Amino acid sequence: MSDDGDPRWWASRAGVALLLVVALAWVYLAWMAWGMEHMDAGMVLMPRMTGWQPTDLLLVWTMWGFMMAAMMLPSATPMLLSFAAITDRAASAQPAMETIAFAGGYVLVWGTFSAAVTLLQWAALEARLITPGMEASGPWVAGALLVLAGVYQFTRWKLACLALCRAPMRFLVKYWRSGTRGALIMGVRHGLYCLGCCWALMLLLFVLGVMNLFWIIALALLVLAEKIVPNARWVVRLSGAGFIGWGAWLVARAVL
């Protein structure tokens, strides 16, 4: 336990650190969104619109990494703070290192996803499935992504992953491992469950634009609602039905 005898001592400081990371991520996203709307301002650290080189891939991966941190860390806060409180209460020899390892494992999963979606974006850009402005090139692509995400909202995989993401103590009791290495493994496992819950929602960023700040906020709020709203199945099902309807409407309008 921490020096002041309060088992919440380290958890409170972990919460402050997490808040700073999330704030930094959102500031970065706001700056990037402004840059996308003011390409004539000559902003540095912006990828080229076409003909990506390795540097552009790195910049886009960085963009996705910050985006995932901004969108996913708020919803992961209950799990991260619960872990920090348990390590502190258990008088762990290295509560700070174990908490950092747990968070690092979580971030590692989303960093890997960011790398994968960067390559997907590159391939889609070359295939003209998305525009240089990082949005779906037409209603067929946008509609397909919306229907995919909507259908996934009703699958048992979605609900199973969401159930563990919503229950920090259940997850920690079921998968607890001691030590820094154990914390890292637990963080990766939690990240995988979170990824299983939200990967399809993240692909919806291509519908209205990867750097559409209002769309990013809307999806982040949906993810957060799924994790913290009591009896959130209605949120999942309502959003799923909405995405399917929206996607079908886009495709139908294109056909007609």
C-alpha atoms as a PDB file:
ATOM      1  CA  MET A   1       0.000   0.000   0.000  1.00  0.00           C
ATOM      2  CA  SER A   2       1.180   3.547  -0.660  1.00  0.00           C
ATOM      3  CA  ASP A   3       2.953   5.604   1.991  1.00  0.00           C
ATOM      4  CA  ASP A   4      -0.108   7.588   3.013  1.00  0.00           C
ATOM      5  CA  GLY A   5      -2.089   4.410   3.792  1.00  0.00           C
ATOM      6  CA  ASP A   6      -4.844   5.136   1.329  1.00  0.00           C
ATOM      7  CA  PRO A   7      -5.383   2.235  -1.124  1.00  0.00           C
ATOM      8  CA  ARG A   8      -6.618   4.766  -3.688  1.00  0.00           C
ATOM      9  CA  TRP A   9      -3.328   6.701  -3.643  1.00  0.00           C
ATOM     10  CA  TRP A  10      -1.779   5.181  -6.772  1.00  0.00           C
ATOM     11  CA  ALA A  11      -5.102   4.792  -8.568  1.00  0.00           C
ATOM     12  CA  SER A  12      -5.769   8.521  -8.217  1.00  0.00           C
ATOM     13  CA  ARG A  13      -2.395   9.384  -9.726  1.00  0.00           C
ATOM     14  CA  ALA A  14      -2.893   6.856 -12.489  1.00  0.00           C
ATOM     15  CA  GLY A  15      -6.195   8.580 -13.231  1.00  0.00           C
ATOM     16  CA  VAL A  16      -4.477  11.960 -13.544  1.00  0.00           C
ATOM     17  CA  ALA A  17      -1.842  10.496 -15.873  1.00  0.00           C
ATOM     18  CA  LEU A  18      -4.541   8.853 -17.981  1.00  0.00           C
ATOM     19  CA  LEU A  19      -6.461  12.135 -18.189  1.00  0.00           C
ATOM     20  CA  LEU A  20      -3.353  13.932 -19.448  1.00  0.00           C
ATOM     21  CA  VAL A  21      -2.717  11.293 -22.124  1.00  0.00           C
ATOM     22  CA  VAL A  22      -6.316  11.464 -23.340  1.00  0.00           C
ATOM     23  CA  ALA A  23      -6.247  15.286 -23.376  1.00  0.00           C
ATOM     24  CA  LEU A  24      -3.013  15.261 -25.396  1.00  0.00           C
ATOM     25  CA  ALA A  25      -4.528  12.812 -27.878  1.00  0.00           C
ATOM     26  CA  TRP A  26      -7.611  14.977 -28.387  1.00  0.00           C
ATOM     27  CA  VAL A  27      -5.489  18.119 -28.834  1.00  0.00           C
ATOM     28  CA  TYR A  28      -3.471  16.300 -31.498  1.00  0.00           C
ATOM     29  CA  LEU A  29      -6.661  15.169 -33.272  1.00  0.00           C
ATOM     30  CA  ALA A  30      -8.095  18.680 -33.219  1.00  0.00           C
ATOM     31  CA  TRP A  31      -4.858  19.991 -34.704  1.00  0.00           C
ATOM     32  CA  MET A  32      -4.857  17.321 -37.434  1.00  0.00           C
ATOM     33  CA  ALA A  33      -8.522  17.960 -38.242  1.00  0.00           C
ATOM     34  CA  TRP A  34      -7.770  21.672 -38.600  1.00  0.00           C
ATOM     35  CA  GLY A  35      -4.854  20.789 -40.872  1.00  0.00           C
ATOM     36  CA  MET A  36      -7.078  18.688 -43.133  1.00  0.00           C
ATOM     37  CA  GLU A  37      -9.393  21.670 -43.587  1.00  0.00           C
ATOM     38  CA  HIS A  38      -6.530  24.114 -44.175  1.00  0.00           C
ATOM     39  CA  MET A  39      -4.174  22.258 -46.468  1.00  0.00           C
ATOM     40  CA  ASP A  40      -3.085  25.593 -47.909  1.00  0.00           C
ATOM     41  CA  ALA A  41      -1.555  26.548 -44.554  1.00  0.00           C
ATOM     42  CA  GLY A  42       1.463  24.350 -45.252  1.00  0.00           C
ATOM     43  CA  MET A  43       1.195  22.279 -42.077  1.00  0.00           C
ATOM     44  CA  VAL A  44       4.069  19.980 -41.247  1.00  0.00           C
ATOM     45  CA  LEU A  45       3.566  16.330 -40.247  1.00  0.00           C
ATOM     46  CA  MET A  46       0.682  15.901 -42.661  1.00  0.00           C
ATOM     47  CA  PRO A  47       0.750  12.910 -45.056  1.00  0.00           C
ATOM     48  CA  ARG A  48       0.551  13.525 -48.767  1.00  0.00           C
ATOM     49  CA  MET A  49      -2.831  13.144 -50.404  1.00  0.00           C
ATOM     50  CA  THR A  50      -1.611  10.471 -52.854  1.00  0.00           C
ATOM     51  CA  GLY A  51       1.523   8.513 -53.685  1.00  0.00           C
ATOM     52  CA  TRP A  52       2.402   7.627 -50.103  1.00  0.00           C
ATOM     53  CA  GLN A  53       6.001   6.950 -49.153  1.00  0.00           C
ATOM     54  CA  PRO A  54       7.279   5.278 -45.929  1.00  0.00           C
ATOM     55  CA  THR A  55       7.206   8.642 -44.145  1.00  0.00           C
ATOM     56  CA  ASP A  56       3.541   9.080 -45.037  1.00  0.00           C
ATOM     57  CA  LEU A  57       2.736   5.608 -43.703  1.00  0.00           C
ATOM     58  CA  LEU A  58       4.440   6.522 -40.434  1.00  0.00           C
ATOM     59  CA  LEU A  59       2.474   9.768 -40.188  1.00  0.00           C
ATOM     60  CA  VAL A  60      -0.827   8.007 -40.863  1.00  0.00           C
ATOM     61  CA  TRP A  61       0.002   5.284 -38.308  1.00  0.00           C
ATOM     62  CA  THR A  62       0.762   8.028 -35.777  1.00  0.00           C
ATOM     63  CA  MET A  63      -2.558   9.664 -36.593  1.00  0.00           C
ATOM     64  CA  TRP A  64      -4.440   6.401 -36.067  1.00  0.00           C
ATOM     65  CA  GLY A  65      -2.523   5.694 -32.859  1.00  0.00           C
ATOM     66  CA  PHE A  66      -3.493   9.038 -31.340  1.00  0.00           C
ATOM     67  CA  MET A  67      -7.039   8.561 -32.579  1.00  0.00           C
ATOM     68  CA  MET A  68      -7.359   5.170 -30.907  1.00  0.00           C
ATOM     69  CA  ALA A  69      -5.935   6.589 -27.672  1.00  0.00           C
ATOM     70  CA  ALA A  70      -8.426   9.460 -27.734  1.00  0.00           C
ATOM     71  CA  MET A  71     -11.404   7.236 -28.521  1.00  0.00           C
ATOM     72  CA  MET A  72     -10.649   4.070 -26.544  1.00  0.00           C
ATOM     73  CA  LEU A  73      -8.812   5.118 -23.379  1.00  0.00           C
ATOM     74  CA  PRO A  74     -11.832   6.934 -21.861  1.00  0.00           C
ATOM     75  CA  SER A  75     -13.909   3.761 -22.102  1.00  0.00           C
ATOM     76  CA  ALA A  76     -11.011   1.684 -20.711  1.00  0.00           C
ATOM     77  CA  THR A  77     -10.584   3.988 -17.701  1.00  0.00           C
ATOM     78  CA  PRO A  78     -12.682   1.877 -15.260  1.00  0.00           C
ATOM     79  CA  MET A  79     -10.575  -1.197 -16.058  1.00  0.00           C
ATOM     80  CA  LEU A  80      -7.250   0.651 -15.802  1.00  0.00           C
ATOM     81  CA  LEU A  81      -8.147   2.360 -12.530  1.00  0.00           C
ATOM     82  CA  SER A  82      -9.503  -0.880 -11.055  1.00  0.00           C
ATOM     83  CA  PHE A  83      -6.210  -2.589 -11.854  1.00  0.00           C
ATOM     84  CA  ALA A  84      -4.224   0.292 -10.353  1.00  0.00           C
ATOM     85  CA  ALA A  85      -6.303   0.195  -7.169  1.00  0.00           C
ATOM     86  CA  ILE A  86      -5.879  -3.580  -6.796  1.00  0.00           C
ATOM     87  CA  THR A  87      -2.096  -3.468  -7.216  1.00  0.00           C
ATOM     88  CA  ASP A  88      -1.880  -0.683  -4.664  1.00  0.00           C
ATOM     89  CA  ARG A  89      -4.200  -2.421  -2.185  1.00  0.00           C
ATOM     90  CA  ALA A  90      -2.267  -5.682  -2.564  1.00  0.00           C
ATOM     91  CA  ALA A  91       0.948  -3.909  -1.509  1.00  0.00           C
ATOM     92  CA  SER A  92       2.610  -4.745  -4.804  1.00  0.00           C
ATOM     93  CA  ALA A  93       6.341  -4.054  -4.895  1.00  0.00           C
ATOM     94  CA  GLN A  94       5.995  -2.106  -8.163  1.00  0.00           C
ATOM     95  CA  PRO A  95       2.427  -0.811  -8.510  1.00  0.00           C
ATOM     96  CA  ALA A  96       3.480   1.933 -10.924  1.00  0.00           C
ATOM     97  CA  MET A  97       5.401  -0.423 -13.224  1.00  0.00           C
ATOM     98  CA  GLU A  98       2.616  -3.002 -13.198  1.00  0.00           C
ATOM     99  CA  THR A  99      -0.018  -0.396 -14.031  1.00  0.00           C
ATOM    100  CA  ILE A 100       2.156   0.995 -16.815  1.00  0.00           C
ATOM    101  CA  ALA A 101       2.675  -2.556 -18.133  1.00  0.00           C
ATOM    102  CA  PHE A 102      -1.082  -3.213 -18.090  1.00  0.00           C
ATOM    103  CA  ALA A 103      -1.791   0.047 -19.938  1.00  0.00           C
ATOM    104  CA  GLY A 104       1.126  -0.684 -22.282  1.00  0.00           C
ATOM    105  CA  GLY A 105      -0.340  -4.053 -23.235  1.00  0.00           C
ATOM    106  CA  TYR A 106      -3.666  -2.402 -23.985  1.00  0.00           C
ATOM    107  CA  VAL A 107      -2.017   0.309 -26.083  1.00  0.00           C
ATOM    108  CA  LEU A 108       0.087  -2.328 -27.883  1.00  0.00           C
ATOM    109  CA  VAL A 109      -3.058  -4.014 -29.194  1.00  0.00           C
ATOM    110  CA  TRP A 110      -4.521  -0.766 -30.499  1.00  0.00           C
ATOM    111  CA  GLY A 111      -1.139   0.298 -31.880  1.00  0.00           C
ATOM    112  CA  THR A 112      -1.034  -2.946 -33.861  1.00  0.00           C
ATOM    113  CA  PHE A 113      -4.596  -2.327 -35.061  1.00  0.00           C
ATOM    114  CA  SER A 114      -3.528   1.182 -36.080  1.00  0.00           C
ATOM    115  CA  ALA A 115      -0.725  -0.293 -38.187  1.00  0.00           C
ATOM    116  CA  ALA A 116      -3.139  -2.727 -39.837  1.00  0.00           C
ATOM    117  CA  VAL A 117      -5.736  -0.051 -40.606  1.00  0.00           C
ATOM    118  CA  THR A 118      -2.978   2.217 -41.962  1.00  0.00           C
ATOM    119  CA  LEU A 119      -2.087  -0.455 -44.508  1.00  0.00           C
ATOM    120  CA  LEU A 120      -5.792  -0.968 -45.222  1.00  0.00           C
ATOM    121  CA  GLN A 121      -6.214   2.757 -45.810  1.00  0.00           C
ATOM    122  CA  TRP A 122      -3.208   2.789 -48.147  1.00  0.00           C
ATOM    123  CA  ALA A 123      -4.584  -0.140 -50.163  1.00  0.00           C
ATOM    124  CA  ALA A 124      -8.066   1.414 -50.277  1.00  0.00           C
ATOM    125  CA  LEU A 125      -6.597   4.731 -51.397  1.00  0.00           C
ATOM    126  CA  GLU A 126      -4.672   3.060 -54.212  1.00  0.00           C
ATOM    127  CA  ALA A 127      -7.840   1.150 -55.209  1.00  0.00           C
ATOM    128  CA  ARG A 128      -9.850   4.413 -55.188  1.00  0.00           C
ATOM    129  CA  LEU A 129     -12.183   3.027 -52.508  1.00  0.00           C
ATOM    130  CA  ILE A 130     -11.479   6.052 -50.334  1.00  0.00           C
ATOM    131  CA  THR A 131     -10.634   9.586 -51.360  1.00  0.00           C
ATOM    132  CA  PRO A 132      -7.429  11.485 -50.599  1.00  0.00           C
ATOM    133  CA  GLY A 133      -9.551  13.272 -47.993  1.00  0.00           C
ATOM    134  CA  MET A 134      -9.777   9.929 -46.099  1.00  0.00           C
ATOM    135  CA  GLU A 135     -13.465   9.216 -46.613  1.00  0.00           C
ATOM    136  CA  ALA A 136     -15.426   6.618 -48.573  1.00  0.00           C
ATOM    137  CA  SER A 137     -15.291   7.318 -52.299  1.00  0.00           C
ATOM    138  CA  GLY A 138     -18.961   6.577 -52.870  1.00  0.00           C
ATOM    139  CA  PRO A 139     -22.232   5.350 -51.353  1.00  0.00           C
ATOM    140  CA  TRP A 140     -21.469   1.688 -52.086  1.00  0.00           C
ATOM    141  CA  VAL A 141     -18.329   1.729 -49.944  1.00  0.00           C
ATOM    142  CA  ALA A 142     -19.905   3.796 -47.180  1.00  0.00           C
ATOM    143  CA  GLY A 143     -23.054   1.655 -47.245  1.00  0.00           C
ATOM    144  CA  ALA A 144     -21.075  -1.589 -47.045  1.00  0.00           C
ATOM    145  CA  LEU A 145     -19.093  -0.344 -44.038  1.00  0.00           C
ATOM    146  CA  LEU A 146     -22.250   0.789 -42.265  1.00  0.00           C
ATOM    147  CA  VAL A 147     -24.069  -2.491 -42.864  1.00  0.00           C
ATOM    148  CA  LEU A 148     -20.991  -4.477 -41.761  1.00  0.00           C
ATOM    149  CA  ALA A 149     -20.737  -2.525 -38.520  1.00  0.00           C
ATOM    150  CA  GLY A 150     -24.476  -2.727 -37.943  1.00  0.00           C
ATOM    151  CA  VAL A 151     -24.646  -6.492 -38.432  1.00  0.00           C
ATOM    152  CA  TYR A 152     -21.636  -7.009 -36.153  1.00  0.00           C
ATOM    153  CA  GLN A 153     -23.469  -5.176 -33.359  1.00  0.00           C
ATOM    154  CA  PHE A 154     -25.876  -8.145 -33.178  1.00  0.00           C
ATOM    155  CA  THR A 155     -23.285 -10.944 -33.150  1.00  0.00           C
ATOM    156  CA  ARG A 156     -22.420 -13.072 -30.131  1.00  0.00           C
ATOM    157  CA  TRP A 157     -18.745 -12.098 -30.515  1.00  0.00           C
ATOM    158  CA  LYS A 158     -19.608  -8.462 -30.020  1.00  0.00           C
ATOM    159  CA  LEU A 159     -21.716  -9.155 -26.946  1.00  0.00           C
ATOM    160  CA  ALA A 160     -19.202 -11.574 -25.411  1.00  0.00           C
ATOM    161  CA  CYS A 161     -16.327  -9.122 -25.740  1.00  0.00           C
ATOM    162  CA  LEU A 162     -18.449  -6.234 -24.519  1.00  0.00           C
ATOM    163  CA  ALA A 163     -19.530  -8.189 -21.437  1.00  0.00           C
ATOM    164  CA  LEU A 164     -15.931  -8.495 -20.212  1.00  0.00           C
ATOM    165  CA  CYS A 165     -15.102  -4.900 -21.139  1.00  0.00           C
ATOM    166  CA  ARG A 166     -18.052  -3.731 -19.007  1.00  0.00           C
ATOM    167  CA  ALA A 167     -17.063  -5.771 -15.930  1.00  0.00           C
ATOM    168  CA  PRO A 168     -13.559  -4.807 -14.726  1.00  0.00           C
ATOM    169  CA  MET A 169     -13.607  -6.926 -11.564  1.00  0.00           C
ATOM    170  CA  ARG A 170     -14.936  -9.965 -13.423  1.00  0.00           C
ATOM    171  CA  PHE A 171     -12.166  -9.663 -15.971  1.00  0.00           C
ATOM    172  CA  LEU A 172      -9.428  -9.097 -13.372  1.00  0.00           C
ATOM    173  CA  VAL A 173     -10.520 -12.013 -11.196  1.00  0.00           C
ATOM    174  CA  LYS A 174     -10.779 -14.346 -14.189  1.00  0.00           C
ATOM    175  CA  TYR A 175      -7.463 -13.443 -15.812  1.00  0.00           C
ATOM    176  CA  TRP A 176      -5.315 -12.171 -12.932  1.00  0.00           C
ATOM    177  CA  ARG A 177      -1.540 -12.680 -13.249  1.00  0.00           C
ATOM    178  CA  SER A 178       0.995 -11.335 -10.798  1.00  0.00           C
ATOM    179  CA  GLY A 179       4.079  -9.297 -11.607  1.00  0.00           C
ATOM    180  CA  THR A 180       4.948  -6.875 -14.366  1.00  0.00           C
ATOM    181  CA  ARG A 181       4.962  -9.551 -17.068  1.00  0.00           C
ATOM    182  CA  GLY A 182       1.576 -10.766 -15.878  1.00  0.00           C
ATOM    183  CA  ALA A 183       0.235  -7.211 -15.987  1.00  0.00           C
ATOM    184  CA  LEU A 184       1.443  -6.836 -19.580  1.00  0.00           C
ATOM    185  CA  ILE A 185      -0.282 -10.086 -20.588  1.00  0.00           C
ATOM    186  CA  MET A 186      -3.492  -8.974 -18.886  1.00  0.00           C
ATOM    187  CA  GLY A 187      -3.334  -5.623 -20.670  1.00  0.00           C
ATOM    188  CA  VAL A 188      -2.936  -7.348 -24.033  1.00  0.00           C
ATOM    189  CA  ARG A 189      -5.836  -9.672 -23.255  1.00  0.00           C
ATOM    190  CA  HIS A 190      -8.067  -6.763 -22.268  1.00  0.00           C
ATOM    191  CA  GLY A 191      -7.019  -4.911 -25.422  1.00  0.00           C
ATOM    192  CA  LEU A 192      -7.986  -7.917 -27.537  1.00  0.00           C
ATOM    193  CA  TYR A 193     -11.425  -8.081 -25.938  1.00  0.00           C
ATOM    194  CA  CYS A 194     -11.821  -4.348 -26.508  1.00  0.00           C
ATOM    195  CA  LEU A 195     -10.705  -4.739 -30.112  1.00  0.00           C
ATOM    196  CA  GLY A 196     -13.178  -7.588 -30.583  1.00  0.00           C
ATOM    197  CA  CYS A 197     -15.887  -5.290 -29.306  1.00  0.00           C
ATOM    198  CA  CYS A 198     -15.079  -2.160 -31.307  1.00  0.00           C
ATOM    199  CA  TRP A 199     -13.085  -2.928 -34.481  1.00  0.00           C
ATOM    200  CA  ALA A 200     -16.093  -2.574 -36.800  1.00  0.00           C
ATOM    201  CA  LEU A 201     -17.042   0.764 -35.252  1.00  0.00           C
ATOM    202  CA  MET A 202     -13.535   2.061 -35.917  1.00  0.00           C
ATOM    203  CA  LEU A 203     -13.886   1.255 -39.629  1.00  0.00           C
ATOM    204  CA  LEU A 204     -16.865   3.624 -39.697  1.00  0.00           C
ATOM    205  CA  LEU A 205     -14.363   6.472 -39.504  1.00  0.00           C
ATOM    206  CA  PHE A 206     -13.996   6.021 -43.264  1.00  0.00           C
ATOM    207  CA  VAL A 207     -17.699   6.758 -43.829  1.00  0.00           C
ATOM    208  CA  LEU A 208     -17.663  10.491 -43.120  1.00  0.00           C
ATOM    209  CA  GLY A 209     -13.907  10.995 -43.029  1.00  0.00           C
ATOM    210  CA  VAL A 210     -11.101   9.785 -40.788  1.00  0.00           C
ATOM    211  CA  MET A 211     -10.385  13.356 -39.719  1.00  0.00           C
ATOM    212  CA  ASN A 212     -14.005  14.452 -39.295  1.00  0.00           C
ATOM    213  CA  LEU A 213     -13.749  15.574 -35.666  1.00  0.00           C
ATOM    214  CA  PHE A 214     -17.495  15.538 -34.997  1.00  0.00           C
ATOM    215  CA  TRP A 215     -17.770  11.996 -36.368  1.00  0.00           C
ATOM    216  CA  ILE A 216     -14.809  10.908 -34.215  1.00  0.00           C
ATOM    217  CA  ILE A 217     -16.496  12.369 -31.132  1.00  0.00           C
ATOM    218  CA  ALA A 218     -19.815  10.693 -31.986  1.00  0.00           C
ATOM    219  CA  LEU A 219     -18.200   7.260 -32.323  1.00  0.00           C
ATOM    220  CA  ALA A 220     -16.135   7.784 -29.158  1.00  0.00           C
ATOM    221  CA  LEU A 221     -19.315   8.616 -27.242  1.00  0.00           C
ATOM    222  CA  LEU A 222     -21.004   5.493 -28.622  1.00  0.00           C
ATOM    223  CA  VAL A 223     -18.081   3.331 -27.498  1.00  0.00           C
ATOM    224  CA  LEU A 224     -18.190   4.953 -24.060  1.00  0.00           C
ATOM    225  CA  ALA A 225     -21.962   4.475 -23.797  1.00  0.00           C
ATOM    226  CA  GLU A 226     -21.633   0.785 -24.649  1.00  0.00           C
ATOM    227  CA  LYS A 227     -19.144   0.381 -21.799  1.00  0.00           C
ATOM    228  CA  ILE A 228     -20.810   2.377 -19.014  1.00  0.00           C
ATOM    229  CA  VAL A 229     -24.565   2.740 -19.660  1.00  0.00           C
ATOM    230  CA  PRO A 230     -26.593   0.283 -17.532  1.00  0.00           C
ATOM    231  CA  ASN A 231     -28.153  -2.505 -19.569  1.00  0.00           C
ATOM    232  CA  ALA A 232     -26.317  -1.303 -22.666  1.00  0.00           C
ATOM    233  CA  ARG A 233     -27.728  -3.955 -25.004  1.00  0.00           C
ATOM    234  CA  TRP A 234     -30.348  -1.486 -26.146  1.00  0.00           C
ATOM    235  CA  VAL A 235     -27.549   0.952 -27.093  1.00  0.00           C
ATOM    236  CA  VAL A 236     -25.798  -1.782 -29.076  1.00  0.00           C
ATOM    237  CA  ARG A 237     -28.947  -2.938 -30.848  1.00  0.00           C
ATOM    238  CA  LEU A 238     -30.301   0.542 -31.542  1.00  0.00           C
ATOM    239  CA  SER A 239     -26.991   1.679 -33.017  1.00  0.00           C
ATOM    240  CA  GLY A 240     -26.712  -1.539 -35.023  1.00  0.00           C
ATOM    241  CA  ALA A 241     -30.164  -1.077 -36.495  1.00  0.00           C
ATOM    242  CA  GLY A 242     -29.375   2.552 -37.229  1.00  0.00           C
ATOM    243  CA  PHE A 243     -26.160   1.687 -39.071  1.00  0.00           C
ATOM    244  CA  ILE A 244     -27.886  -1.013 -41.138  1.00  0.00           C
ATOM    245  CA  GLY A 245     -30.706   1.366 -42.043  1.00  0.00           C
ATOM    246  CA  TRP A 246     -28.302   4.168 -42.914  1.00  0.00           C
ATOM    247  CA  GLY A 247     -26.162   1.882 -45.078  1.00  0.00           C
ATOM    248  CA  ALA A 248     -29.191   0.409 -46.861  1.00  0.00           C
ATOM    249  CA  TRP A 249     -30.501   3.911 -47.537  1.00  0.00           C
ATOM    250  CA  LEU A 250     -27.196   5.009 -49.082  1.00  0.00           C
ATOM    251  CA  VAL A 251     -27.076   1.969 -51.353  1.00  0.00           C
ATOM    252  CA  ALA A 252     -30.742   2.253 -52.306  1.00  0.00           C
ATOM    253  CA  ARG A 253     -30.316   5.917 -53.164  1.00  0.00           C
ATOM    254  CA  ALA A 254     -27.324   5.063 -55.363  1.00  0.00           C
ATOM    255  CA  VAL A 255     -29.298   2.370 -57.171  1.00  0.00           C
ATOM    256  CA  LEU A 256     -32.366   4.529 -57.710  1.00  0.00           C
END
